[in-house]
Amino acid sequence: MSYLNIVQIILAVLLVAAILLQAKGTGLSGVFGGEGNIFRTKRGFEKILFYATIALAVLFFATALANIYFSK
């Protein structure tokens, strides 16, 4: 198993955790309009988690591309 595979697995776990931490308050009630969609800005930890999720997604995608490129 190469180092890229290990890095990709770690990034996948971190990305799933970051997405699940953001998913508070969203559920099936949002499908039926039960949730009030009020615009509000992200502050504090929520903002850091939002940017960390984006960074993890970009790193995961780059690692996947590098894994494909170096596997040939």
C-alpha atoms as a PDB file:
ATOM      1  CA  MET A   1       0.000   0.000   0.000  1.00  0.00           C
ATOM      2  CA  SER A   2       1.482   3.303  -1.036  1.00  0.00           C
ATOM      3  CA  TYR A   3       1.639   6.496   0.957  1.00  0.00           C
ATOM      4  CA  LEU A   4      -0.867   8.181  -1.349  1.00  0.00           C
ATOM      5  CA  ASN A   5      -3.464   5.536  -0.527  1.00  0.00           C
ATOM      6  CA  ILE A   6      -2.969   6.059   3.200  1.00  0.00           C
ATOM      7  CA  VAL A   7      -3.189   9.851   2.818  1.00  0.00           C
ATOM      8  CA  GLN A   8      -6.330   9.494   0.725  1.00  0.00           C
ATOM      9  CA  ILE A   9      -8.002   7.273   3.342  1.00  0.00           C
ATOM     10  CA  ILE A  10      -7.139   9.736   6.118  1.00  0.00           C
ATOM     11  CA  LEU A  11      -8.460  12.658   4.051  1.00  0.00           C
ATOM     12  CA  ALA A  12     -11.666  10.740   3.307  1.00  0.00           C
ATOM     13  CA  VAL A  13     -12.310  10.093   6.998  1.00  0.00           C
ATOM     14  CA  LEU A  14     -11.604  13.735   7.885  1.00  0.00           C
ATOM     15  CA  LEU A  15     -13.844  14.962   5.060  1.00  0.00           C
ATOM     16  CA  VAL A  16     -16.739  12.761   6.169  1.00  0.00           C
ATOM     17  CA  ALA A  17     -16.304  13.959   9.755  1.00  0.00           C
ATOM     18  CA  ALA A  18     -16.253  17.615   8.662  1.00  0.00           C
ATOM     19  CA  ILE A  19     -19.396  17.170   6.581  1.00  0.00           C
ATOM     20  CA  LEU A  20     -21.230  15.376   9.389  1.00  0.00           C
ATOM     21  CA  LEU A  21     -20.288  18.097  11.870  1.00  0.00           C
ATOM     22  CA  GLN A  22     -21.845  20.694   9.549  1.00  0.00           C
ATOM     23  CA  ALA A  23     -25.078  18.776   9.078  1.00  0.00           C
ATOM     24  CA  LYS A  24     -26.734  19.964  12.283  1.00  0.00           C
ATOM     25  CA  GLY A  25     -30.360  20.958  11.922  1.00  0.00           C
ATOM     26  CA  THR A  26     -30.750  19.523   8.444  1.00  0.00           C
ATOM     27  CA  GLY A  27     -32.997  16.571   8.133  1.00  0.00           C
ATOM     28  CA  LEU A  28     -36.148  15.294   6.526  1.00  0.00           C
ATOM     29  CA  SER A  29     -38.109  18.299   7.773  1.00  0.00           C
ATOM     30  CA  GLY A  30     -36.190  20.495   5.331  1.00  0.00           C
ATOM     31  CA  VAL A  31     -37.688  18.541   2.431  1.00  0.00           C
ATOM     32  CA  PHE A  32     -41.228  19.441   3.455  1.00  0.00           C
ATOM     33  CA  GLY A  33     -40.491  23.069   4.213  1.00  0.00           C
ATOM     34  CA  GLY A  34     -40.464  22.672   7.963  1.00  0.00           C
ATOM     35  CA  GLU A  35     -37.173  24.445   8.362  1.00  0.00           C
ATOM     36  CA  GLY A  36     -37.050  28.221   8.194  1.00  0.00           C
ATOM     37  CA  ASN A  37     -34.329  29.253   5.783  1.00  0.00           C
ATOM     38  CA  ILE A  38     -33.005  32.415   7.312  1.00  0.00           C
ATOM     39  CA  PHE A  39     -29.862  33.940   5.868  1.00  0.00           C
ATOM     40  CA  ARG A  40     -27.158  34.253   8.458  1.00  0.00           C
ATOM     41  CA  THR A  41     -23.419  34.547   8.309  1.00  0.00           C
ATOM     42  CA  LYS A  42     -21.074  31.872   9.532  1.00  0.00           C
ATOM     43  CA  ARG A  43     -19.095  32.819  12.592  1.00  0.00           C
ATOM     44  CA  GLY A  44     -16.403  31.283  14.735  1.00  0.00           C
ATOM     45  CA  PHE A  45     -16.012  27.510  14.597  1.00  0.00           C
ATOM     46  CA  GLU A  46     -18.726  27.151  11.956  1.00  0.00           C
ATOM     47  CA  LYS A  47     -16.750  29.353   9.561  1.00  0.00           C
ATOM     48  CA  ILE A  48     -13.491  27.507  10.270  1.00  0.00           C
ATOM     49  CA  LEU A  49     -15.233  24.171   9.716  1.00  0.00           C
ATOM     50  CA  PHE A  50     -16.730  25.429   6.444  1.00  0.00           C
ATOM     51  CA  TYR A  51     -13.330  26.462   5.063  1.00  0.00           C
ATOM     52  CA  ALA A  52     -11.690  23.296   6.392  1.00  0.00           C
ATOM     53  CA  THR A  53     -14.270  21.211   4.535  1.00  0.00           C
ATOM     54  CA  ILE A  54     -13.477  23.009   1.290  1.00  0.00           C
ATOM     55  CA  ALA A  55      -9.737  22.556   1.835  1.00  0.00           C
ATOM     56  CA  LEU A  56     -10.163  18.855   2.650  1.00  0.00           C
ATOM     57  CA  ALA A  57     -12.271  18.319  -0.468  1.00  0.00           C
ATOM     58  CA  VAL A  58      -9.655  19.996  -2.672  1.00  0.00           C
ATOM     59  CA  LEU A  59      -6.857  17.979  -1.055  1.00  0.00           C
ATOM     60  CA  PHE A  60      -8.835  14.749  -1.447  1.00  0.00           C
ATOM     61  CA  PHE A  61      -9.446  15.462  -5.132  1.00  0.00           C
ATOM     62  CA  ALA A  62      -5.785  16.352  -5.717  1.00  0.00           C
ATOM     63  CA  THR A  63      -4.669  13.187  -3.930  1.00  0.00           C
ATOM     64  CA  ALA A  64      -7.049  11.104  -6.045  1.00  0.00           C
ATOM     65  CA  LEU A  65      -5.644  12.640  -9.230  1.00  0.00           C
ATOM     66  CA  ALA A  66      -2.079  12.098  -8.048  1.00  0.00           C
ATOM     67  CA  ASN A  67      -2.926   8.516  -7.153  1.00  0.00           C
ATOM     68  CA  ILE A  68      -4.235   7.915 -10.677  1.00  0.00           C
ATOM     69  CA  TYR A  69      -1.253   9.628 -12.277  1.00  0.00           C
ATOM     70  CA  PHE A  70       1.382   7.723 -10.290  1.00  0.00           C
ATOM     71  CA  SER A  71      -0.328   4.340 -10.555  1.00  0.00           C
ATOM     72  CA  LYS A  72       0.507   4.088 -14.259  1.00  0.00           C
END
